Amino acid sequence: GFKGLIAVRGEQGLDMARRFSPNAIVL
């Protein structure tokens, strides 16, 4: 039941975490 966002690099992931405020993260 989750929508998914994918980041293939660490800096990209940090930026997306701040911009999209996801409910959870797999790292």
PDB file of all heavy atoms in Angstrom:
ATOM      1  N   GLY A   1       0.776  -1.233   0.000  1.00  0.00           N
ATOM      2  CA  GLY A   1       0.000   0.000   0.000  1.00  0.00           C
ATOM      3  C   GLY A   1       0.807   1.282   0.000  1.00  0.00           C
ATOM      4  O   GLY A   1       0.266   2.357   0.279  1.00  0.00           O
ATOM      5  N   PHE A   2       2.107   1.214  -0.320  1.00  0.00           N
ATOM      6  CA  PHE A   2       2.936   2.413  -0.377  1.00  0.00           C
ATOM      7  C   PHE A   2       3.125   2.856  -1.827  1.00  0.00           C
ATOM      8  O   PHE A   2       3.260   2.028  -2.725  1.00  0.00           O
ATOM      9  CB  PHE A   2       4.327   2.140   0.209  1.00  0.00           C
ATOM     10  CG  PHE A   2       4.386   2.060   1.705  1.00  0.00           C
ATOM     11  CD1 PHE A   2       4.140   0.861   2.360  1.00  0.00           C
ATOM     12  CD2 PHE A   2       4.695   3.179   2.459  1.00  0.00           C
ATOM     13  CE1 PHE A   2       4.196   0.773   3.741  1.00  0.00           C
ATOM     14  CE2 PHE A   2       4.768   3.107   3.836  1.00  0.00           C
ATOM     15  CZ  PHE A   2       4.515   1.896   4.479  1.00  0.00           C
ATOM     16  N   LYS A   3       3.174   4.174  -2.046  1.00  0.00           N
ATOM     17  CA  LYS A   3       3.753   4.703  -3.277  1.00  0.00           C
ATOM     18  C   LYS A   3       5.264   4.752  -3.064  1.00  0.00           C
ATOM     19  O   LYS A   3       5.732   4.960  -1.937  1.00  0.00           O
ATOM     20  CB  LYS A   3       3.232   6.122  -3.556  1.00  0.00           C
ATOM     21  CG  LYS A   3       1.737   6.181  -3.880  1.00  0.00           C
ATOM     22  CD  LYS A   3       1.442   5.691  -5.281  1.00  0.00           C
ATOM     23  CE  LYS A   3      -0.043   5.774  -5.607  1.00  0.00           C
ATOM     24  NZ  LYS A   3      -0.535   7.159  -5.728  1.00  0.00           N
ATOM     25  N   GLY A   4       6.047   4.567  -4.113  1.00  0.00           N
ATOM     26  CA  GLY A   4       7.494   4.488  -3.963  1.00  0.00           C
ATOM     27  C   GLY A   4       8.254   5.557  -4.719  1.00  0.00           C
ATOM     28  O   GLY A   4       7.920   5.895  -5.865  1.00  0.00           O
ATOM     29  N   LEU A   5       9.280   6.129  -4.069  1.00  0.00           N
ATOM     30  CA  LEU A   5      10.226   7.041  -4.710  1.00  0.00           C
ATOM     31  C   LEU A   5      11.592   6.376  -4.672  1.00  0.00           C
ATOM     32  O   LEU A   5      11.940   5.735  -3.680  1.00  0.00           O
ATOM     33  CB  LEU A   5      10.290   8.375  -3.970  1.00  0.00           C
ATOM     34  CG  LEU A   5       8.978   9.103  -3.700  1.00  0.00           C
ATOM     35  CD1 LEU A   5       9.228  10.326  -2.829  1.00  0.00           C
ATOM     36  CD2 LEU A   5       8.327   9.512  -5.013  1.00  0.00           C
ATOM     37  N   ILE A   6      12.394   6.536  -5.737  1.00  0.00           N
ATOM     38  CA  ILE A   6      13.698   5.892  -5.801  1.00  0.00           C
ATOM     39  C   ILE A   6      14.792   6.932  -5.994  1.00  0.00           C
ATOM     40  O   ILE A   6      14.713   7.789  -6.876  1.00  0.00           O
ATOM     41  CB  ILE A   6      13.752   4.847  -6.940  1.00  0.00           C
ATOM     42  CG1 ILE A   6      12.779   3.706  -6.651  1.00  0.00           C
ATOM     43  CG2 ILE A   6      15.167   4.304  -7.102  1.00  0.00           C
ATOM     44  CD1 ILE A   6      12.692   2.665  -7.759  1.00  0.00           C
ATOM     45  N   ALA A   7      15.829   6.850  -5.150  1.00  0.00           N
ATOM     46  CA  ALA A   7      17.043   7.664  -5.304  1.00  0.00           C
ATOM     47  C   ALA A   7      18.219   6.697  -5.415  1.00  0.00           C
ATOM     48  O   ALA A   7      18.351   5.775  -4.609  1.00  0.00           O
ATOM     49  CB  ALA A   7      17.235   8.583  -4.101  1.00  0.00           C
ATOM     50  N   VAL A   8      19.076   6.896  -6.416  1.00  0.00           N
ATOM     51  CA  VAL A   8      20.191   5.973  -6.638  1.00  0.00           C
ATOM     52  C   VAL A   8      21.509   6.491  -6.051  1.00  0.00           C
ATOM     53  O   VAL A   8      22.536   5.826  -6.148  1.00  0.00           O
ATOM     54  CB  VAL A   8      20.368   5.667  -8.147  1.00  0.00           C
ATOM     55  CG1 VAL A   8      19.154   4.928  -8.678  1.00  0.00           C
ATOM     56  CG2 VAL A   8      20.623   6.950  -8.941  1.00  0.00           C
ATOM     57  N   ARG A   9      21.466   7.702  -5.453  1.00  0.00           N
ATOM     58  CA  ARG A   9      22.652   8.268  -4.825  1.00  0.00           C
ATOM     59  C   ARG A   9      22.267   8.872  -3.472  1.00  0.00           C
ATOM     60  O   ARG A   9      21.128   9.252  -3.250  1.00  0.00           O
ATOM     61  CB  ARG A   9      23.280   9.340  -5.728  1.00  0.00           C
ATOM     62  CG  ARG A   9      23.648   8.815  -7.114  1.00  0.00           C
ATOM     63  CD  ARG A   9      24.151   9.925  -8.021  1.00  0.00           C
ATOM     64  NE  ARG A   9      25.460  10.400  -7.608  1.00  0.00           N
ATOM     65  CZ  ARG A   9      26.605   9.754  -7.844  1.00  0.00           C
ATOM     66  NH1 ARG A   9      26.583   8.597  -8.482  1.00  0.00           N
ATOM     67  NH2 ARG A   9      27.751  10.236  -7.454  1.00  0.00           N
ATOM     68  N   GLY A  10      23.251   8.940  -2.570  1.00  0.00           N
ATOM     69  CA  GLY A  10      22.985   9.408  -1.225  1.00  0.00           C
ATOM     70  C   GLY A  10      22.510  10.846  -1.161  1.00  0.00           C
ATOM     71  O   GLY A  10      21.525  11.166  -0.480  1.00  0.00           O
ATOM     72  N   GLU A  11      23.207  11.755  -1.863  1.00  0.00           N
ATOM     73  CA  GLU A  11      22.826  13.166  -1.840  1.00  0.00           C
ATOM     74  C   GLU A  11      21.436  13.358  -2.435  1.00  0.00           C
ATOM     75  O   GLU A  11      20.643  14.167  -1.948  1.00  0.00           O
ATOM     76  CB  GLU A  11      23.852  14.012  -2.596  1.00  0.00           C
ATOM     77  CG  GLU A  11      25.189  14.176  -1.886  1.00  0.00           C
ATOM     78  CD  GLU A  11      25.073  15.008  -0.607  1.00  0.00           C
ATOM     79  OE1 GLU A  11      24.060  15.715  -0.437  1.00  0.00           O
ATOM     80  OE2 GLU A  11      25.990  14.929   0.224  1.00  0.00           O
ATOM     81  N   GLN A  12      21.150  12.613  -3.493  1.00  0.00           N
ATOM     82  CA  GLN A  12      19.819  12.678  -4.098  1.00  0.00           C
ATOM     83  C   GLN A  12      18.764  12.212  -3.090  1.00  0.00           C
ATOM     84  O   GLN A  12      17.694  12.811  -2.966  1.00  0.00           O
ATOM     85  CB  GLN A  12      19.789  11.790  -5.348  1.00  0.00           C
ATOM     86  CG  GLN A  12      18.450  11.785  -6.078  1.00  0.00           C
ATOM     87  CD  GLN A  12      18.361  10.685  -7.118  1.00  0.00           C
ATOM     88  OE1 GLN A  12      19.107   9.703  -7.066  1.00  0.00           O
ATOM     89  NE2 GLN A  12      17.458  10.834  -8.065  1.00  0.00           N
ATOM     90  N   GLY A  13      19.086  11.159  -2.336  1.00  0.00           N
ATOM     91  CA  GLY A  13      18.162  10.642  -1.337  1.00  0.00           C
ATOM     92  C   GLY A  13      17.883  11.646  -0.232  1.00  0.00           C
ATOM     93  O   GLY A  13      16.734  11.828   0.193  1.00  0.00           O
ATOM     94  N   LEU A  14      18.929  12.325   0.242  1.00  0.00           N
ATOM     95  CA  LEU A  14      18.756  13.345   1.276  1.00  0.00           C
ATOM     96  C   LEU A  14      17.868  14.475   0.778  1.00  0.00           C
ATOM     97  O   LEU A  14      16.984  14.954   1.501  1.00  0.00           O
ATOM     98  CB  LEU A  14      20.123  13.891   1.699  1.00  0.00           C
ATOM     99  CG  LEU A  14      20.970  12.981   2.592  1.00  0.00           C
ATOM    100  CD1 LEU A  14      22.410  13.481   2.642  1.00  0.00           C
ATOM    101  CD2 LEU A  14      20.385  12.925   4.003  1.00  0.00           C
ATOM    102  N   ASP A  15      18.103  14.906  -0.460  1.00  0.00           N
ATOM    103  CA  ASP A  15      17.301  15.984  -1.038  1.00  0.00           C
ATOM    104  C   ASP A  15      15.836  15.571  -1.157  1.00  0.00           C
ATOM    105  O   ASP A  15      14.925  16.338  -0.818  1.00  0.00           O
ATOM    106  CB  ASP A  15      17.860  16.368  -2.407  1.00  0.00           C
ATOM    107  CG  ASP A  15      17.048  17.460  -3.082  1.00  0.00           C
ATOM    108  OD1 ASP A  15      16.973  18.572  -2.526  1.00  0.00           O
ATOM    109  OD2 ASP A  15      16.471  17.202  -4.154  1.00  0.00           O
ATOM    110  N   MET A  16      15.601  14.338  -1.608  1.00  0.00           N
ATOM    111  CA  MET A  16      14.224  13.861  -1.774  1.00  0.00           C
ATOM    112  C   MET A  16      13.537  13.671  -0.427  1.00  0.00           C
ATOM    113  O   MET A  16      12.335  13.905  -0.290  1.00  0.00           O
ATOM    114  CB  MET A  16      14.219  12.558  -2.581  1.00  0.00           C
ATOM    115  CG  MET A  16      14.585  12.755  -4.038  1.00  0.00           C
ATOM    116  SD  MET A  16      14.712  11.209  -4.972  1.00  0.00           S
ATOM    117  CE  MET A  16      12.994  10.711  -5.032  1.00  0.00           C
ATOM    118  N   ALA A  17      14.298  13.265   0.597  1.00  0.00           N
ATOM    119  CA  ALA A  17      13.707  13.110   1.934  1.00  0.00           C
ATOM    120  C   ALA A  17      13.200  14.447   2.454  1.00  0.00           C
ATOM    121  O   ALA A  17      12.129  14.527   3.073  1.00  0.00           O
ATOM    122  CB  ALA A  17      14.735  12.517   2.891  1.00  0.00           C
ATOM    123  N   ARG A  18      13.966  15.516   2.191  1.00  0.00           N
ATOM    124  CA  ARG A  18      13.544  16.846   2.648  1.00  0.00           C
ATOM    125  C   ARG A  18      12.380  17.385   1.815  1.00  0.00           C
ATOM    126  O   ARG A  18      11.468  18.019   2.334  1.00  0.00           O
ATOM    127  CB  ARG A  18      14.730  17.817   2.578  1.00  0.00           C
ATOM    128  CG  ARG A  18      15.862  17.465   3.542  1.00  0.00           C
ATOM    129  CD  ARG A  18      16.902  18.571   3.566  1.00  0.00           C
ATOM    130  NE  ARG A  18      18.098  18.168   4.283  1.00  0.00           N
ATOM    131  CZ  ARG A  18      19.229  17.786   3.702  1.00  0.00           C
ATOM    132  NH1 ARG A  18      19.319  17.767   2.382  1.00  0.00           N
ATOM    133  NH2 ARG A  18      20.276  17.433   4.427  1.00  0.00           N
ATOM    134  N   ARG A  19      12.430  17.143   0.505  1.00  0.00           N
ATOM    135  CA  ARG A  19      11.419  17.721  -0.386  1.00  0.00           C
ATOM    136  C   ARG A  19      10.072  17.005  -0.298  1.00  0.00           C
ATOM    137  O   ARG A  19       9.018  17.629  -0.302  1.00  0.00           O
ATOM    138  CB  ARG A  19      11.910  17.687  -1.842  1.00  0.00           C
ATOM    139  CG  ARG A  19      12.910  18.780  -2.183  1.00  0.00           C
ATOM    140  CD  ARG A  19      13.083  18.933  -3.676  1.00  0.00           C
ATOM    141  NE  ARG A  19      13.705  17.759  -4.276  1.00  0.00           N
ATOM    142  CZ  ARG A  19      13.205  17.116  -5.329  1.00  0.00           C
ATOM    143  NH1 ARG A  19      12.079  17.517  -5.876  1.00  0.00           N
ATOM    144  NH2 ARG A  19      13.832  16.067  -5.833  1.00  0.00           N
ATOM    145  N   PHE A  20      10.109  15.669  -0.225  1.00  0.00           N
ATOM    146  CA  PHE A  20       8.870  14.901  -0.293  1.00  0.00           C
ATOM    147  C   PHE A  20       8.332  14.485   1.076  1.00  0.00           C
ATOM    148  O   PHE A  20       7.191  14.044   1.175  1.00  0.00           O
ATOM    149  CB  PHE A  20       9.078  13.640  -1.156  1.00  0.00           C
ATOM    150  CG  PHE A  20       9.274  13.927  -2.613  1.00  0.00           C
ATOM    151  CD1 PHE A  20      10.546  13.942  -3.167  1.00  0.00           C
ATOM    152  CD2 PHE A  20       8.186  14.189  -3.435  1.00  0.00           C
ATOM    153  CE1 PHE A  20      10.734  14.207  -4.520  1.00  0.00           C
ATOM    154  CE2 PHE A  20       8.376  14.452  -4.786  1.00  0.00           C
ATOM    155  CZ  PHE A  20       9.645  14.462  -5.332  1.00  0.00           C
ATOM    156  N   SER A  21       9.162  14.577   2.140  1.00  0.00           N
ATOM    157  CA  SER A  21       8.746  14.145   3.487  1.00  0.00           C
ATOM    158  C   SER A  21       8.054  12.785   3.440  1.00  0.00           C
ATOM    159  O   SER A  21       6.864  12.658   3.789  1.00  0.00           O
ATOM    160  CB  SER A  21       7.809  15.178   4.123  1.00  0.00           C
ATOM    161  OG  SER A  21       8.471  16.398   4.305  1.00  0.00           O
ATOM    162  N   PRO A  22       8.756  11.734   3.007  1.00  0.00           N
ATOM    163  CA  PRO A  22       8.127  10.412   2.913  1.00  0.00           C
ATOM    164  C   PRO A  22       7.758   9.880   4.293  1.00  0.00           C
ATOM    165  O   PRO A  22       8.285  10.331   5.310  1.00  0.00           O
ATOM    166  CB  PRO A  22       9.223   9.556   2.268  1.00  0.00           C
ATOM    167  CG  PRO A  22      10.500  10.220   2.672  1.00  0.00           C
ATOM    168  CD  PRO A  22      10.189  11.695   2.674  1.00  0.00           C
ATOM    169  N   ASN A  23       6.860   8.904   4.324  1.00  0.00           N
ATOM    170  CA  ASN A  23       6.459   8.301   5.593  1.00  0.00           C
ATOM    171  C   ASN A  23       7.529   7.372   6.145  1.00  0.00           C
ATOM    172  O   ASN A  23       7.635   7.180   7.366  1.00  0.00           O
ATOM    173  CB  ASN A  23       5.156   7.514   5.410  1.00  0.00           C
ATOM    174  CG  ASN A  23       4.020   8.401   4.948  1.00  0.00           C
ATOM    175  OD1 ASN A  23       3.762   8.499   3.752  1.00  0.00           O
ATOM    176  ND2 ASN A  23       3.350   9.062   5.871  1.00  0.00           N
ATOM    177  N   ALA A  24       8.329   6.781   5.256  1.00  0.00           N
ATOM    178  CA  ALA A  24       9.385   5.857   5.683  1.00  0.00           C
ATOM    179  C   ALA A  24      10.452   5.799   4.598  1.00  0.00           C
ATOM    180  O   ALA A  24      10.239   6.226   3.457  1.00  0.00           O
ATOM    181  CB  ALA A  24       8.810   4.476   5.954  1.00  0.00           C
ATOM    182  N   ILE A  25      11.622   5.244   4.970  1.00  0.00           N
ATOM    183  CA  ILE A  25      12.769   5.183   4.057  1.00  0.00           C
ATOM    184  C   ILE A  25      13.418   3.810   4.150  1.00  0.00           C
ATOM    185  O   ILE A  25      13.569   3.254   5.247  1.00  0.00           O
ATOM    186  CB  ILE A  25      13.806   6.271   4.409  1.00  0.00           C
ATOM    187  CG1 ILE A  25      13.227   7.670   4.189  1.00  0.00           C
ATOM    188  CG2 ILE A  25      15.098   6.103   3.605  1.00  0.00           C
ATOM    189  CD1 ILE A  25      14.078   8.802   4.727  1.00  0.00           C
ATOM    190  N   VAL A  26      13.813   3.265   2.997  1.00  0.00           N
ATOM    191  CA  VAL A  26      14.677   2.081   2.948  1.00  0.00           C
ATOM    192  C   VAL A  26      16.032   2.549   2.444  1.00  0.00           C
ATOM    193  O   VAL A  26      16.128   3.187   1.386  1.00  0.00           O
ATOM    194  CB  VAL A  26      14.110   0.982   2.023  1.00  0.00           C
ATOM    195  CG1 VAL A  26      15.114  -0.153   1.872  1.00  0.00           C
ATOM    196  CG2 VAL A  26      12.798   0.445   2.577  1.00  0.00           C
ATOM    197  N   LEU A  27      17.103   2.262   3.198  1.00  0.00           N
ATOM    198  CA  LEU A  27      18.425   2.828   2.910  1.00  0.00           C
ATOM    199  C   LEU A  27      19.476   1.746   2.736  1.00  0.00           C
ATOM    200  O   LEU A  27      19.670   0.894   3.611  1.00  0.00           O
ATOM    201  CB  LEU A  27      18.840   3.755   4.063  1.00  0.00           C
ATOM    202  CG  LEU A  27      20.274   4.306   4.050  1.00  0.00           C
ATOM    203  CD1 LEU A  27      20.477   5.255   2.869  1.00  0.00           C
ATOM    204  CD2 LEU A  27      20.582   5.015   5.369  1.00  0.00           C
TER     205      LEU A  27
END
